[in-house]
Amino acid sequence: MPSGDIDREVPRMRALIAAGIGLAAALALVFTITAIGMPAGKTSPKPLYTTVPEHP
């Protein structure tokens, strides 16, 4: 096997390893947030104002 083939494969393997690490980190983050769950909270009884008041 010529050494040129090996030199071309190294960057591909690094990219594949980096993609695998990124995917594992993203899945770990998703599973951690899922395990923690939604915070217990209530919605405000006051309505939100969605219109701008008239200018004087």
PDB file of N, CA and C in Angstrom:
ATOM      1  N   MET A   1       0.856  -1.184   0.000  1.00  0.00           N
ATOM      2  CA  MET A   1       0.000   0.000   0.000  1.00  0.00           C
ATOM      3  C   MET A   1       0.900   1.244   0.000  1.00  0.00           C
ATOM      4  N   PRO A   2       0.752   2.121  -0.957  1.00  0.00           N
ATOM      5  CA  PRO A   2       1.569   3.342  -0.987  1.00  0.00           C
ATOM      6  C   PRO A   2       1.252   4.244   0.206  1.00  0.00           C
ATOM      7  N   SER A   3       2.254   4.984   0.641  1.00  0.00           N
ATOM      8  CA  SER A   3       2.066   5.841   1.811  1.00  0.00           C
ATOM      9  C   SER A   3       1.095   6.983   1.542  1.00  0.00           C
ATOM     10  N   GLY A   4       0.864   7.331   0.295  1.00  0.00           N
ATOM     11  CA  GLY A   4      -0.078   8.403  -0.037  1.00  0.00           C
ATOM     12  C   GLY A   4      -1.497   8.066   0.369  1.00  0.00           C
ATOM     13  N   ASP A   5      -1.876   6.787   0.302  1.00  0.00           N
ATOM     14  CA  ASP A   5      -3.225   6.383   0.710  1.00  0.00           C
ATOM     15  C   ASP A   5      -3.423   6.559   2.208  1.00  0.00           C
ATOM     16  N   ILE A   6      -2.399   6.257   2.979  1.00  0.00           N
ATOM     17  CA  ILE A   6      -2.501   6.393   4.432  1.00  0.00           C
ATOM     18  C   ILE A   6      -2.634   7.865   4.804  1.00  0.00           C
ATOM     19  N   ASP A   7      -1.875   8.721   4.130  1.00  0.00           N
ATOM     20  CA  ASP A   7      -1.933  10.150   4.428  1.00  0.00           C
ATOM     21  C   ASP A   7      -3.310  10.734   4.139  1.00  0.00           C
ATOM     22  N   ARG A   8      -4.013  10.163   3.178  1.00  0.00           N
ATOM     23  CA  ARG A   8      -5.350  10.662   2.856  1.00  0.00           C
ATOM     24  C   ARG A   8      -6.402  10.140   3.828  1.00  0.00           C
ATOM     25  N   GLU A   9      -6.166   8.990   4.428  1.00  0.00           N
ATOM     26  CA  GLU A   9      -7.152   8.386   5.326  1.00  0.00           C
ATOM     27  C   GLU A   9      -7.144   9.017   6.714  1.00  0.00           C
ATOM     28  N   VAL A  10      -6.021   9.552   7.154  1.00  0.00           N
ATOM     29  CA  VAL A  10      -5.921  10.102   8.509  1.00  0.00           C
ATOM     30  C   VAL A  10      -6.897  11.250   8.727  1.00  0.00           C
ATOM     31  N   PRO A  11      -6.994  12.254   7.847  1.00  0.00           N
ATOM     32  CA  PRO A  11      -7.968  13.327   8.076  1.00  0.00           C
ATOM     33  C   PRO A  11      -9.409  12.816   8.081  1.00  0.00           C
ATOM     34  N   ARG A  12      -9.705  11.802   7.274  1.00  0.00           N
ATOM     35  CA  ARG A  12     -11.062  11.261   7.260  1.00  0.00           C
ATOM     36  C   ARG A  12     -11.385  10.600   8.593  1.00  0.00           C
ATOM     37  N   MET A  13     -10.418   9.873   9.143  1.00  0.00           N
ATOM     38  CA  MET A  13     -10.647   9.216  10.430  1.00  0.00           C
ATOM     39  C   MET A  13     -10.807  10.254  11.538  1.00  0.00           C
ATOM     40  N   ARG A  14     -10.017  11.319  11.480  1.00  0.00           N
ATOM     41  CA  ARG A  14     -10.146  12.378  12.487  1.00  0.00           C
ATOM     42  C   ARG A  14     -11.519  13.028  12.406  1.00  0.00           C
ATOM     43  N   ALA A  15     -11.998  13.246  11.198  1.00  0.00           N
ATOM     44  CA  ALA A  15     -13.322  13.846  11.029  1.00  0.00           C
ATOM     45  C   ALA A  15     -14.402  12.901  11.529  1.00  0.00           C
ATOM     46  N   LEU A  16     -14.249  11.615  11.262  1.00  0.00           N
ATOM     47  CA  LEU A  16     -15.223  10.632  11.724  1.00  0.00           C
ATOM     48  C   LEU A  16     -15.232  10.540  13.244  1.00  0.00           C
ATOM     49  N   ILE A  17     -14.063  10.552  13.844  1.00  0.00           N
ATOM     50  CA  ILE A  17     -13.968  10.510  15.308  1.00  0.00           C
ATOM     51  C   ILE A  17     -14.568  11.773  15.912  1.00  0.00           C
ATOM     52  N   ALA A  18     -14.280  12.930  15.333  1.00  0.00           N
ATOM     53  CA  ALA A  18     -14.837  14.189  15.838  1.00  0.00           C
ATOM     54  C   ALA A  18     -16.354  14.199  15.720  1.00  0.00           C
ATOM     55  N   ALA A  19     -16.883  13.674  14.620  1.00  0.00           N
ATOM     56  CA  ALA A  19     -18.336  13.611  14.453  1.00  0.00           C
ATOM     57  C   ALA A  19     -18.951  12.674  15.482  1.00  0.00           C
ATOM     58  N   GLY A  20     -18.301  11.567  15.755  1.00  0.00           N
ATOM     59  CA  GLY A  20     -18.798  10.627  16.763  1.00  0.00           C
ATOM     60  C   GLY A  20     -18.794  11.232  18.155  1.00  0.00           C
ATOM     61  N   ILE A  21     -17.743  11.958  18.483  1.00  0.00           N
ATOM     62  CA  ILE A  21     -17.669  12.614  19.794  1.00  0.00           C
ATOM     63  C   ILE A  21     -18.749  13.685  19.910  1.00  0.00           C
ATOM     64  N   GLY A  22     -18.958  14.443  18.853  1.00  0.00           N
ATOM     65  CA  GLY A  22     -20.001  15.475  18.871  1.00  0.00           C
ATOM     66  C   GLY A  22     -21.383  14.880  19.021  1.00  0.00           C
ATOM     67  N   LEU A  23     -21.641  13.782  18.326  1.00  0.00           N
ATOM     68  CA  LEU A  23     -22.938  13.116  18.436  1.00  0.00           C
ATOM     69  C   LEU A  23     -23.143  12.564  19.840  1.00  0.00           C
ATOM     70  N   ALA A  24     -22.113  11.963  20.413  1.00  0.00           N
ATOM     71  CA  ALA A  24     -22.214  11.428  21.768  1.00  0.00           C
ATOM     72  C   ALA A  24     -22.471  12.544  22.778  1.00  0.00           C
ATOM     73  N   ALA A  25     -21.809  13.678  22.613  1.00  0.00           N
ATOM     74  CA  ALA A  25     -22.015  14.807  23.524  1.00  0.00           C
ATOM     75  C   ALA A  25     -23.428  15.362  23.397  1.00  0.00           C
ATOM     76  N   ALA A  26     -23.930  15.460  22.175  1.00  0.00           N
ATOM     77  CA  ALA A  26     -25.290  15.966  21.971  1.00  0.00           C
ATOM     78  C   ALA A  26     -26.317  15.025  22.582  1.00  0.00           C
ATOM     79  N   LEU A  27     -26.140  13.730  22.384  1.00  0.00           N
ATOM     80  CA  LEU A  27     -27.076  12.764  22.971  1.00  0.00           C
ATOM     81  C   LEU A  27     -27.010  12.782  24.494  1.00  0.00           C
ATOM     82  N   ALA A  28     -25.807  12.918  25.051  1.00  0.00           N
ATOM     83  CA  ALA A  28     -25.673  12.997  26.507  1.00  0.00           C
ATOM     84  C   ALA A  28     -26.400  14.221  27.046  1.00  0.00           C
ATOM     85  N   LEU A  29     -26.307  15.340  26.352  1.00  0.00           N
ATOM     86  CA  LEU A  29     -27.001  16.554  26.778  1.00  0.00           C
ATOM     87  C   LEU A  29     -28.512  16.371  26.723  1.00  0.00           C
ATOM     88  N   VAL A  30     -29.009  15.773  25.646  1.00  0.00           N
ATOM     89  CA  VAL A  30     -30.450  15.542  25.506  1.00  0.00           C
ATOM     90  C   VAL A  30     -30.948  14.605  26.595  1.00  0.00           C
ATOM     91  N   PHE A  31     -30.223  13.521  26.843  1.00  0.00           N
ATOM     92  CA  PHE A  31     -30.651  12.567  27.869  1.00  0.00           C
ATOM     93  C   PHE A  31     -30.591  13.184  29.262  1.00  0.00           C
ATOM     94  N   THR A  32     -29.609  14.037  29.520  1.00  0.00           N
ATOM     95  CA  THR A  32     -29.512  14.705  30.822  1.00  0.00           C
ATOM     96  C   THR A  32     -30.689  15.644  31.034  1.00  0.00           C
ATOM     97  N   ILE A  33     -31.020  16.437  30.032  1.00  0.00           N
ATOM     98  CA  ILE A  33     -32.152  17.359  30.150  1.00  0.00           C
ATOM     99  C   ILE A  33     -33.451  16.586  30.297  1.00  0.00           C
ATOM    100  N   THR A  34     -33.586  15.471  29.583  1.00  0.00           N
ATOM    101  CA  THR A  34     -34.787  14.649  29.688  1.00  0.00           C
ATOM    102  C   THR A  34     -34.898  14.042  31.079  1.00  0.00           C
ATOM    103  N   ALA A  35     -33.789  13.601  31.653  1.00  0.00           N
ATOM    104  CA  ALA A  35     -33.809  12.985  32.978  1.00  0.00           C
ATOM    105  C   ALA A  35     -34.164  13.998  34.057  1.00  0.00           C
ATOM    106  N   ILE A  36     -33.707  15.233  33.885  1.00  0.00           N
ATOM    107  CA  ILE A  36     -34.007  16.268  34.881  1.00  0.00           C
ATOM    108  C   ILE A  36     -35.490  16.605  34.854  1.00  0.00           C
ATOM    109  N   GLY A  37     -36.075  16.668  33.693  1.00  0.00           N
ATOM    110  CA  GLY A  37     -37.501  16.931  33.555  1.00  0.00           C
ATOM    111  C   GLY A  37     -37.822  18.411  33.490  1.00  0.00           C
ATOM    112  N   MET A  38     -39.108  18.669  33.316  1.00  0.00           N
ATOM    113  CA  MET A  38     -39.587  20.044  33.224  1.00  0.00           C
ATOM    114  C   MET A  38     -39.643  20.670  34.620  1.00  0.00           C
ATOM    115  N   PRO A  39     -39.319  21.944  34.737  1.00  0.00           N
ATOM    116  CA  PRO A  39     -39.429  22.593  36.043  1.00  0.00           C
ATOM    117  C   PRO A  39     -40.893  22.777  36.428  1.00  0.00           C
ATOM    118  N   ALA A  40     -41.161  22.631  37.724  1.00  0.00           N
ATOM    119  CA  ALA A  40     -42.525  22.841  38.204  1.00  0.00           C
ATOM    120  C   ALA A  40     -42.777  24.343  38.252  1.00  0.00           C
ATOM    121  N   GLY A  41     -43.767  24.788  37.540  1.00  0.00           N
ATOM    122  CA  GLY A  41     -44.061  26.209  37.502  1.00  0.00           C
ATOM    123  C   GLY A  41     -45.489  26.445  37.092  1.00  0.00           C
ATOM    124  N   LYS A  42     -45.900  27.678  37.224  1.00  0.00           N
ATOM    125  CA  LYS A  42     -47.262  28.049  36.853  1.00  0.00           C
ATOM    126  C   LYS A  42     -47.203  29.201  35.869  1.00  0.00           C
ATOM    127  N   THR A  43     -48.236  29.313  35.088  1.00  0.00           N
ATOM    128  CA  THR A  43     -48.322  30.449  34.189  1.00  0.00           C
ATOM    129  C   THR A  43     -48.896  31.636  34.941  1.00  0.00           C
ATOM    130  N   SER A  44     -48.582  32.808  34.474  1.00  0.00           N
ATOM    131  CA  SER A  44     -49.060  34.020  35.118  1.00  0.00           C
ATOM    132  C   SER A  44     -50.541  34.221  34.816  1.00  0.00           C
ATOM    133  N   PRO A  45     -51.341  34.586  35.825  1.00  0.00           N
ATOM    134  CA  PRO A  45     -52.750  34.856  35.561  1.00  0.00           C
ATOM    135  C   PRO A  45     -52.965  36.186  34.835  1.00  0.00           C
ATOM    136  N   LYS A  46     -51.957  37.064  34.854  1.00  0.00           N
ATOM    137  CA  LYS A  46     -52.091  38.362  34.199  1.00  0.00           C
ATOM    138  C   LYS A  46     -51.865  38.206  32.696  1.00  0.00           C
ATOM    139  N   PRO A  47     -52.686  38.869  31.884  1.00  0.00           N
ATOM    140  CA  PRO A  47     -52.488  38.761  30.437  1.00  0.00           C
ATOM    141  C   PRO A  47     -51.264  39.563  29.991  1.00  0.00           C
ATOM    142  N   LEU A  48     -50.671  39.134  28.926  1.00  0.00           N
ATOM    143  CA  LEU A  48     -49.559  39.877  28.346  1.00  0.00           C
ATOM    144  C   LEU A  48     -50.114  40.915  27.379  1.00  0.00           C
ATOM    145  N   TYR A  49     -49.537  42.090  27.408  1.00  0.00           N
ATOM    146  CA  TYR A  49     -49.968  43.137  26.494  1.00  0.00           C
ATOM    147  C   TYR A  49     -49.244  42.948  25.171  1.00  0.00           C
ATOM    148  N   THR A  50     -49.997  42.802  24.114  1.00  0.00           N
ATOM    149  CA  THR A  50     -49.382  42.554  22.812  1.00  0.00           C
ATOM    150  C   THR A  50     -49.497  43.746  21.874  1.00  0.00           C
ATOM    151  N   THR A  51     -50.172  44.802  22.307  1.00  0.00           N
ATOM    152  CA  THR A  51     -50.304  45.983  21.455  1.00  0.00           C
ATOM    153  C   THR A  51     -49.513  47.133  22.060  1.00  0.00           C
ATOM    154  N   VAL A  52     -49.072  48.028  21.212  1.00  0.00           N
ATOM    155  CA  VAL A  52     -48.321  49.197  21.655  1.00  0.00           C
ATOM    156  C   VAL A  52     -49.321  50.290  21.990  1.00  0.00           C
ATOM    157  N   PRO A  53     -49.173  50.941  23.152  1.00  0.00           N
ATOM    158  CA  PRO A  53     -50.095  52.037  23.479  1.00  0.00           C
ATOM    159  C   PRO A  53     -49.958  53.187  22.479  1.00  0.00           C
ATOM    160  N   GLU A  54     -51.022  53.947  22.323  1.00  0.00           N
ATOM    161  CA  GLU A  54     -50.985  55.086  21.404  1.00  0.00           C
ATOM    162  C   GLU A  54     -50.027  56.148  21.926  1.00  0.00           C
ATOM    163  N   HIS A  55     -49.369  56.813  20.982  1.00  0.00           N
ATOM    164  CA  HIS A  55     -48.473  57.893  21.367  1.00  0.00           C
ATOM    165  C   HIS A  55     -49.299  59.136  21.668  1.00  0.00           C
ATOM    166  N   PRO A  56     -48.850  59.936  22.638  1.00  0.00           N
ATOM    167  CA  PRO A  56     -49.611  61.168  22.965  1.00  0.00           C
ATOM    168  C   PRO A  56     -49.589  62.190  21.851  1.00  0.00           C
TER     169      PRO A  56
END
